[in-house]
Amino acid sequence: MLQTPFGKLATLIGYDGFAQPHTRDEPWFAPCAQYLDAMRVDVLAHPSIHAGPWARSAQGERWRHEGLPAQLRTLRNVRYVVSAQQVGSLLGGTFEAASHILERTASGDVRVLAQAQTTQEEDVVHATVPTAAHGTP
């Protein structure tokens, strides 16, 4: 955890972004986003890599329903999720997923502030948000 002008920042890597285990062989699985939310984290950085294809896959659906996009609605302190996805080929594998920046609004809704244009090519995703210290963009 690191204090920044945007508030407390913490990192979840890949599978840490899910709320529940996906196999029976994970007795020590912990819902990391909930844990960091209890520690009053404001921003979650989430680097990840997903084997393609992503958009219409079971894994992509699972992410939308159990991952950080779904969990953000229920968290009290985390306001932003910055999810950077590996795309392209690496070590013989092909990876696809769209990087994105999410915001939990004051009403609890989740809003996409920015999203990569493609799941298959490198893209830069950015958004302007207020800093915690000043409340202005």
N, C-alpha and C. Protein backbone atom coordinates (compact mmCIF):
# COMPACT_ATOMS: atom_id res chain seq x y z
N MET A 1 0.85 -1.16 0.00
CA MET A 1 0.00 0.00 0.00
C MET A 1 0.90 1.23 0.00
N LEU A 2 0.44 2.24 -0.74
CA LEU A 2 1.23 3.45 -0.92
C LEU A 2 0.31 4.65 -0.89
N GLN A 3 0.68 5.68 -0.15
CA GLN A 3 -0.10 6.91 -0.12
C GLN A 3 0.26 7.75 -1.34
N THR A 4 -0.74 8.21 -2.10
CA THR A 4 -0.52 9.03 -3.29
C THR A 4 -1.44 10.25 -3.22
N PRO A 5 -1.29 11.23 -4.13
CA PRO A 5 -2.22 12.35 -4.16
C PRO A 5 -3.67 11.92 -4.45
N PHE A 6 -3.85 10.71 -4.97
CA PHE A 6 -5.19 10.19 -5.26
C PHE A 6 -5.74 9.35 -4.12
N GLY A 7 -4.99 9.24 -3.03
CA GLY A 7 -5.38 8.41 -1.90
C GLY A 7 -4.48 7.20 -1.79
N LYS A 8 -4.90 6.21 -1.01
CA LYS A 8 -4.12 4.98 -0.84
C LYS A 8 -4.24 4.12 -2.09
N LEU A 9 -3.10 3.63 -2.56
CA LEU A 9 -3.03 2.78 -3.74
C LEU A 9 -2.54 1.41 -3.33
N ALA A 10 -3.18 0.38 -3.84
CA ALA A 10 -2.75 -1.01 -3.60
C ALA A 10 -2.87 -1.77 -4.91
N THR A 11 -2.18 -2.89 -5.00
CA THR A 11 -2.16 -3.69 -6.22
C THR A 11 -2.75 -5.07 -6.00
N LEU A 12 -3.60 -5.49 -6.91
CA LEU A 12 -4.08 -6.86 -7.01
C LEU A 12 -3.58 -7.39 -8.34
N ILE A 13 -3.01 -8.57 -8.35
CA ILE A 13 -2.46 -9.11 -9.59
C ILE A 13 -3.33 -10.25 -10.09
N GLY A 14 -3.79 -10.12 -11.35
CA GLY A 14 -4.53 -11.19 -12.01
C GLY A 14 -5.71 -11.72 -11.22
N TYR A 15 -5.62 -12.99 -10.86
CA TYR A 15 -6.68 -13.74 -10.18
C TYR A 15 -7.08 -13.12 -8.84
N ASP A 16 -6.20 -12.32 -8.24
CA ASP A 16 -6.54 -11.64 -6.99
C ASP A 16 -7.76 -10.74 -7.15
N GLY A 17 -8.09 -10.38 -8.38
CA GLY A 17 -9.22 -9.49 -8.63
C GLY A 17 -10.58 -10.17 -8.57
N PHE A 18 -10.61 -11.48 -8.39
CA PHE A 18 -11.88 -12.20 -8.29
C PHE A 18 -12.35 -12.27 -6.84
N ALA A 19 -13.65 -12.43 -6.65
CA ALA A 19 -14.24 -12.47 -5.31
C ALA A 19 -14.27 -13.86 -4.71
N GLN A 20 -14.16 -14.90 -5.54
CA GLN A 20 -14.25 -16.27 -5.03
C GLN A 20 -13.35 -17.20 -5.84
N PRO A 21 -12.98 -18.33 -5.25
CA PRO A 21 -12.13 -19.28 -5.97
C PRO A 21 -12.90 -19.95 -7.11
N HIS A 22 -12.16 -20.43 -8.08
CA HIS A 22 -12.80 -21.09 -9.23
C HIS A 22 -12.54 -22.58 -9.27
N THR A 23 -11.89 -23.10 -8.25
CA THR A 23 -11.71 -24.55 -8.13
C THR A 23 -11.94 -24.94 -6.67
N ARG A 24 -12.07 -26.22 -6.42
CA ARG A 24 -12.24 -26.72 -5.05
C ARG A 24 -10.90 -26.85 -4.34
N ASP A 25 -9.81 -26.66 -5.06
CA ASP A 25 -8.47 -26.86 -4.51
C ASP A 25 -7.84 -25.58 -3.99
N GLU A 26 -8.64 -24.62 -3.56
CA GLU A 26 -8.12 -23.34 -3.09
C GLU A 26 -8.69 -22.99 -1.71
N PRO A 27 -8.38 -23.79 -0.69
CA PRO A 27 -8.97 -23.53 0.63
C PRO A 27 -8.53 -22.21 1.25
N TRP A 28 -7.41 -21.66 0.81
CA TRP A 28 -6.89 -20.42 1.41
C TRP A 28 -7.20 -19.20 0.56
N PHE A 29 -8.06 -19.34 -0.43
CA PHE A 29 -8.41 -18.19 -1.28
C PHE A 29 -9.00 -17.09 -0.41
N ALA A 30 -8.57 -15.86 -0.64
CA ALA A 30 -9.10 -14.71 0.10
C ALA A 30 -9.62 -13.68 -0.90
N PRO A 31 -10.77 -13.07 -0.62
CA PRO A 31 -11.28 -12.00 -1.49
C PRO A 31 -10.47 -10.73 -1.25
N CYS A 32 -9.42 -10.56 -2.00
CA CYS A 32 -8.43 -9.50 -1.76
C CYS A 32 -9.00 -8.09 -1.85
N ALA A 33 -9.91 -7.84 -2.79
CA ALA A 33 -10.47 -6.50 -2.93
C ALA A 33 -11.21 -6.09 -1.66
N GLN A 34 -11.95 -7.02 -1.07
CA GLN A 34 -12.68 -6.72 0.17
C GLN A 34 -11.71 -6.42 1.31
N TYR A 35 -10.63 -7.17 1.36
CA TYR A 35 -9.60 -6.97 2.38
C TYR A 35 -8.98 -5.58 2.25
N LEU A 36 -8.60 -5.20 1.03
CA LEU A 36 -7.99 -3.89 0.82
C LEU A 36 -9.00 -2.76 1.03
N ASP A 37 -10.25 -2.99 0.71
CA ASP A 37 -11.29 -2.00 0.98
C ASP A 37 -11.39 -1.74 2.48
N ALA A 38 -11.31 -2.80 3.28
CA ALA A 38 -11.36 -2.65 4.74
C ALA A 38 -10.15 -1.87 5.26
N MET A 39 -9.06 -1.87 4.49
CA MET A 39 -7.87 -1.10 4.86
C MET A 39 -7.94 0.32 4.30
N ARG A 40 -9.09 0.70 3.80
CA ARG A 40 -9.38 2.05 3.32
C ARG A 40 -8.56 2.45 2.09
N VAL A 41 -8.33 1.49 1.21
CA VAL A 41 -7.64 1.77 -0.06
C VAL A 41 -8.61 2.51 -0.98
N ASP A 42 -8.08 3.51 -1.70
CA ASP A 42 -8.89 4.32 -2.61
C ASP A 42 -8.78 3.87 -4.06
N VAL A 43 -7.58 3.41 -4.46
CA VAL A 43 -7.30 3.06 -5.85
C VAL A 43 -6.69 1.67 -5.90
N LEU A 44 -7.25 0.80 -6.74
CA LEU A 44 -6.67 -0.53 -6.96
C LEU A 44 -6.03 -0.56 -8.34
N ALA A 45 -4.74 -0.89 -8.38
CA ALA A 45 -4.05 -1.14 -9.64
C ALA A 45 -4.15 -2.64 -9.87
N HIS A 46 -4.51 -3.03 -11.08
CA HIS A 46 -4.76 -4.45 -11.36
C HIS A 46 -4.13 -4.87 -12.68
N PRO A 47 -2.82 -5.18 -12.68
CA PRO A 47 -2.23 -5.75 -13.89
C PRO A 47 -2.66 -7.20 -14.02
N SER A 48 -2.95 -7.62 -15.25
CA SER A 48 -3.44 -8.98 -15.44
C SER A 48 -3.14 -9.47 -16.85
N ILE A 49 -3.30 -10.77 -17.03
CA ILE A 49 -3.08 -11.39 -18.33
C ILE A 49 -4.10 -12.52 -18.49
N HIS A 50 -4.80 -12.53 -19.61
CA HIS A 50 -5.85 -13.53 -19.85
C HIS A 50 -5.64 -14.16 -21.21
N ALA A 51 -5.66 -15.47 -21.24
CA ALA A 51 -5.54 -16.18 -22.52
C ALA A 51 -6.77 -15.88 -23.37
N GLY A 52 -6.58 -15.55 -24.62
CA GLY A 52 -7.67 -15.18 -25.51
C GLY A 52 -8.39 -16.39 -26.05
N PRO A 53 -9.55 -16.21 -26.69
CA PRO A 53 -10.26 -14.95 -26.85
C PRO A 53 -10.97 -14.55 -25.56
N TRP A 54 -11.14 -13.26 -25.34
CA TRP A 54 -11.64 -12.77 -24.07
C TRP A 54 -13.09 -12.31 -24.13
N ALA A 55 -13.45 -11.50 -25.09
CA ALA A 55 -14.74 -10.81 -25.11
C ALA A 55 -15.94 -11.72 -24.93
N ARG A 56 -15.96 -12.87 -25.58
CA ARG A 56 -17.13 -13.76 -25.50
C ARG A 56 -16.82 -15.06 -24.77
N SER A 57 -15.77 -15.08 -23.99
CA SER A 57 -15.37 -16.32 -23.32
C SER A 57 -16.06 -16.46 -21.96
N ALA A 58 -16.06 -17.67 -21.44
CA ALA A 58 -16.59 -17.91 -20.09
C ALA A 58 -15.78 -17.13 -19.07
N GLN A 59 -14.46 -17.04 -19.28
CA GLN A 59 -13.61 -16.30 -18.35
C GLN A 59 -13.96 -14.81 -18.38
N GLY A 60 -14.24 -14.27 -19.55
CA GLY A 60 -14.64 -12.87 -19.66
C GLY A 60 -15.96 -12.60 -18.95
N GLU A 61 -16.92 -13.51 -19.12
CA GLU A 61 -18.20 -13.39 -18.43
C GLU A 61 -18.02 -13.49 -16.92
N ARG A 62 -17.20 -14.42 -16.50
CA ARG A 62 -16.93 -14.59 -15.07
C ARG A 62 -16.33 -13.31 -14.50
N TRP A 63 -15.41 -12.70 -15.24
CA TRP A 63 -14.77 -11.46 -14.79
C TRP A 63 -15.82 -10.35 -14.61
N ARG A 64 -16.73 -10.22 -15.57
CA ARG A 64 -17.75 -9.18 -15.47
C ARG A 64 -18.71 -9.40 -14.31
N HIS A 65 -18.96 -10.67 -13.94
CA HIS A 65 -19.92 -10.97 -12.88
C HIS A 65 -19.29 -11.19 -11.51
N GLU A 66 -18.00 -11.55 -11.45
CA GLU A 66 -17.36 -11.85 -10.17
C GLU A 66 -16.09 -11.04 -9.92
N GLY A 67 -15.58 -10.41 -10.96
CA GLY A 67 -14.33 -9.68 -10.84
C GLY A 67 -14.52 -8.28 -10.28
N LEU A 68 -13.49 -7.47 -10.44
CA LEU A 68 -13.52 -6.12 -9.89
C LEU A 68 -14.66 -5.25 -10.43
N PRO A 69 -15.06 -5.37 -11.70
CA PRO A 69 -16.20 -4.56 -12.14
C PRO A 69 -17.46 -4.81 -11.31
N ALA A 70 -17.72 -6.04 -10.93
CA ALA A 70 -18.90 -6.36 -10.11
C ALA A 70 -18.66 -6.03 -8.64
N GLN A 71 -17.47 -6.29 -8.14
CA GLN A 71 -17.19 -6.05 -6.73
C GLN A 71 -17.17 -4.57 -6.37
N LEU A 72 -16.76 -3.73 -7.31
CA LEU A 72 -16.61 -2.31 -7.01
C LEU A 72 -17.90 -1.70 -6.47
N ARG A 73 -19.04 -2.18 -6.93
CA ARG A 73 -20.34 -1.68 -6.45
C ARG A 73 -20.52 -1.85 -4.94
N THR A 74 -19.96 -2.93 -4.40
CA THR A 74 -20.18 -3.26 -2.99
C THR A 74 -19.10 -2.73 -2.06
N LEU A 75 -18.02 -2.22 -2.61
CA LEU A 75 -16.93 -1.73 -1.77
C LEU A 75 -17.26 -0.35 -1.24
N ARG A 76 -16.76 -0.02 -0.05
CA ARG A 76 -17.07 1.26 0.57
C ARG A 76 -16.01 2.32 0.32
N ASN A 77 -14.76 1.93 0.24
CA ASN A 77 -13.66 2.88 0.17
C ASN A 77 -12.97 2.94 -1.18
N VAL A 78 -12.86 1.82 -1.86
CA VAL A 78 -12.19 1.81 -3.17
C VAL A 78 -13.04 2.63 -4.13
N ARG A 79 -12.41 3.60 -4.76
CA ARG A 79 -13.15 4.45 -5.69
C ARG A 79 -12.78 4.17 -7.14
N TYR A 80 -11.51 3.79 -7.37
CA TYR A 80 -11.05 3.58 -8.74
C TYR A 80 -10.37 2.23 -8.89
N VAL A 81 -10.53 1.63 -10.06
CA VAL A 81 -9.80 0.42 -10.45
C VAL A 81 -9.12 0.74 -11.78
N VAL A 82 -7.80 0.54 -11.81
CA VAL A 82 -7.03 0.71 -13.04
C VAL A 82 -6.54 -0.68 -13.43
N SER A 83 -7.14 -1.25 -14.44
CA SER A 83 -6.84 -2.62 -14.85
C SER A 83 -6.06 -2.61 -16.16
N ALA A 84 -4.77 -2.95 -16.07
CA ALA A 84 -3.89 -2.99 -17.24
C ALA A 84 -3.74 -4.43 -17.70
N GLN A 85 -4.14 -4.72 -18.92
CA GLN A 85 -4.15 -6.08 -19.44
C GLN A 85 -3.01 -6.31 -20.44
N GLN A 86 -2.35 -7.45 -20.32
CA GLN A 86 -1.35 -7.87 -21.30
C GLN A 86 -2.08 -8.31 -22.57
N VAL A 87 -1.64 -7.84 -23.71
CA VAL A 87 -2.22 -8.28 -24.98
C VAL A 87 -1.10 -8.73 -25.91
N GLY A 88 -1.46 -9.54 -26.90
CA GLY A 88 -0.50 -10.00 -27.88
C GLY A 88 0.03 -11.38 -27.56
N SER A 89 1.20 -11.69 -28.10
CA SER A 89 1.81 -13.01 -27.93
C SER A 89 2.96 -12.95 -26.94
N LEU A 90 3.08 -13.98 -26.13
CA LEU A 90 4.15 -14.08 -25.15
C LEU A 90 4.38 -15.55 -24.85
N LEU A 91 5.60 -16.01 -24.99
CA LEU A 91 5.98 -17.38 -24.67
C LEU A 91 5.05 -18.41 -25.32
N GLY A 92 4.67 -18.16 -26.54
CA GLY A 92 3.84 -19.10 -27.28
C GLY A 92 2.35 -18.98 -27.04
N GLY A 93 1.94 -18.09 -26.15
CA GLY A 93 0.52 -17.90 -25.87
C GLY A 93 0.01 -16.60 -26.47
N THR A 94 -1.29 -16.53 -26.68
CA THR A 94 -1.92 -15.31 -27.18
C THR A 94 -2.85 -14.80 -26.09
N PHE A 95 -2.77 -13.50 -25.81
CA PHE A 95 -3.51 -12.93 -24.69
C PHE A 95 -4.36 -11.75 -25.15
N GLU A 96 -5.60 -11.71 -24.65
CA GLU A 96 -6.56 -10.68 -25.03
C GLU A 96 -7.36 -10.22 -23.82
N ALA A 97 -7.54 -8.95 -23.69
CA ALA A 97 -8.48 -8.34 -22.74
C ALA A 97 -8.30 -6.83 -22.86
N ALA A 98 -9.35 -6.09 -22.62
CA ALA A 98 -9.29 -4.63 -22.73
C ALA A 98 -8.90 -4.01 -21.40
N SER A 99 -7.84 -3.23 -21.39
CA SER A 99 -7.49 -2.45 -20.21
C SER A 99 -8.60 -1.43 -19.97
N HIS A 100 -8.81 -1.06 -18.71
CA HIS A 100 -9.86 -0.10 -18.42
C HIS A 100 -9.63 0.60 -17.08
N ILE A 101 -10.30 1.73 -16.92
CA ILE A 101 -10.30 2.47 -15.66
C ILE A 101 -11.76 2.60 -15.25
N LEU A 102 -12.05 2.14 -14.03
CA LEU A 102 -13.42 2.17 -13.50
C LEU A 102 -13.50 3.12 -12.32
N GLU A 103 -14.66 3.70 -12.13
CA GLU A 103 -14.92 4.57 -10.98
C GLU A 103 -16.21 4.12 -10.31
N ARG A 104 -16.18 4.06 -8.97
CA ARG A 104 -17.41 3.87 -8.19
C ARG A 104 -17.90 5.26 -7.83
N THR A 105 -19.08 5.61 -8.28
CA THR A 105 -19.62 6.94 -8.03
C THR A 105 -20.16 7.04 -6.60
N ALA A 106 -20.50 8.24 -6.19
CA ALA A 106 -21.04 8.46 -4.84
C ALA A 106 -22.32 7.66 -4.61
N SER A 107 -23.09 7.41 -5.67
CA SER A 107 -24.33 6.63 -5.54
C SER A 107 -24.08 5.12 -5.55
N GLY A 108 -22.81 4.71 -5.79
CA GLY A 108 -22.48 3.29 -5.79
C GLY A 108 -22.47 2.65 -7.16
N ASP A 109 -22.84 3.41 -8.18
CA ASP A 109 -22.79 2.88 -9.54
C ASP A 109 -21.34 2.76 -9.99
N VAL A 110 -21.09 1.88 -10.94
CA VAL A 110 -19.75 1.73 -11.51
C VAL A 110 -19.77 2.31 -12.91
N ARG A 111 -18.83 3.18 -13.15
CA ARG A 111 -18.75 3.87 -14.43
C ARG A 111 -17.40 3.58 -15.07
N VAL A 112 -17.40 3.32 -16.36
CA VAL A 112 -16.16 3.12 -17.11
C VAL A 112 -15.66 4.50 -17.52
N LEU A 113 -14.51 4.91 -16.97
CA LEU A 113 -13.94 6.21 -17.32
C LEU A 113 -13.14 6.14 -18.61
N ALA A 114 -12.52 4.99 -18.85
CA ALA A 114 -11.73 4.79 -20.07
C ALA A 114 -11.59 3.30 -20.32
N GLN A 115 -11.50 2.93 -21.59
CA GLN A 115 -11.33 1.52 -21.95
C GLN A 115 -10.56 1.44 -23.26
N ALA A 116 -9.69 0.44 -23.36
CA ALA A 116 -8.95 0.21 -24.60
C ALA A 116 -9.92 -0.03 -25.74
N GLN A 117 -9.56 0.41 -26.92
CA GLN A 117 -10.41 0.26 -28.09
C GLN A 117 -10.47 -1.17 -28.60
N THR A 118 -9.48 -1.98 -28.25
CA THR A 118 -9.42 -3.36 -28.73
C THR A 118 -8.90 -4.28 -27.63
N THR A 119 -9.23 -5.54 -27.73
CA THR A 119 -8.71 -6.53 -26.77
C THR A 119 -7.46 -7.21 -27.30
N GLN A 120 -7.05 -6.87 -28.51
CA GLN A 120 -5.98 -7.62 -29.16
C GLN A 120 -4.72 -6.82 -29.45
N GLU A 121 -4.76 -5.50 -29.30
CA GLU A 121 -3.59 -4.68 -29.60
C GLU A 121 -3.30 -3.73 -28.44
N GLU A 122 -2.04 -3.37 -28.32
CA GLU A 122 -1.62 -2.43 -27.28
C GLU A 122 -2.36 -1.11 -27.44
N ASP A 123 -2.74 -0.52 -26.32
CA ASP A 123 -3.45 0.76 -26.31
C ASP A 123 -3.10 1.47 -25.01
N VAL A 124 -3.18 2.79 -25.01
CA VAL A 124 -2.96 3.58 -23.81
C VAL A 124 -4.32 4.05 -23.32
N VAL A 125 -4.59 3.81 -22.05
CA VAL A 125 -5.87 4.18 -21.45
C VAL A 125 -5.60 5.21 -20.36
N HIS A 126 -6.33 6.31 -20.37
CA HIS A 126 -6.12 7.33 -19.33
C HIS A 126 -7.43 8.05 -19.04
N ALA A 127 -7.49 8.64 -17.85
CA ALA A 127 -8.66 9.41 -17.43
C ALA A 127 -8.20 10.49 -16.46
N THR A 128 -8.90 11.59 -16.43
CA THR A 128 -8.63 12.67 -15.48
C THR A 128 -9.60 12.51 -14.31
N VAL A 129 -9.05 12.44 -13.11
CA VAL A 129 -9.87 12.29 -11.90
C VAL A 129 -9.38 13.29 -10.86
N PRO A 130 -10.24 13.67 -9.90
CA PRO A 130 -9.80 14.59 -8.86
C PRO A 130 -8.81 13.91 -7.91
N THR A 131 -7.90 14.69 -7.37
CA THR A 131 -7.00 14.15 -6.36
C THR A 131 -7.70 14.19 -5.02
N ALA A 132 -7.36 13.26 -4.15
CA ALA A 132 -7.98 13.19 -2.82
C ALA A 132 -7.68 14.44 -2.02
N ALA A 133 -6.47 14.97 -2.16
CA ALA A 133 -6.06 16.11 -1.35
C ALA A 133 -6.77 17.40 -1.75
N HIS A 134 -7.10 17.57 -3.03
CA HIS A 134 -7.64 18.83 -3.49
C HIS A 134 -9.07 18.75 -3.99
N GLY A 135 -9.53 17.57 -4.39
CA GLY A 135 -10.89 17.41 -4.88
C GLY A 135 -11.15 18.03 -6.23
N THR A 136 -10.09 18.38 -6.95
CA THR A 136 -10.24 18.96 -8.28
C THR A 136 -9.44 18.17 -9.29
N PRO A 137 -9.88 18.16 -10.55
CA PRO A 137 -9.12 17.43 -11.58
C PRO A 137 -7.79 18.09 -11.89
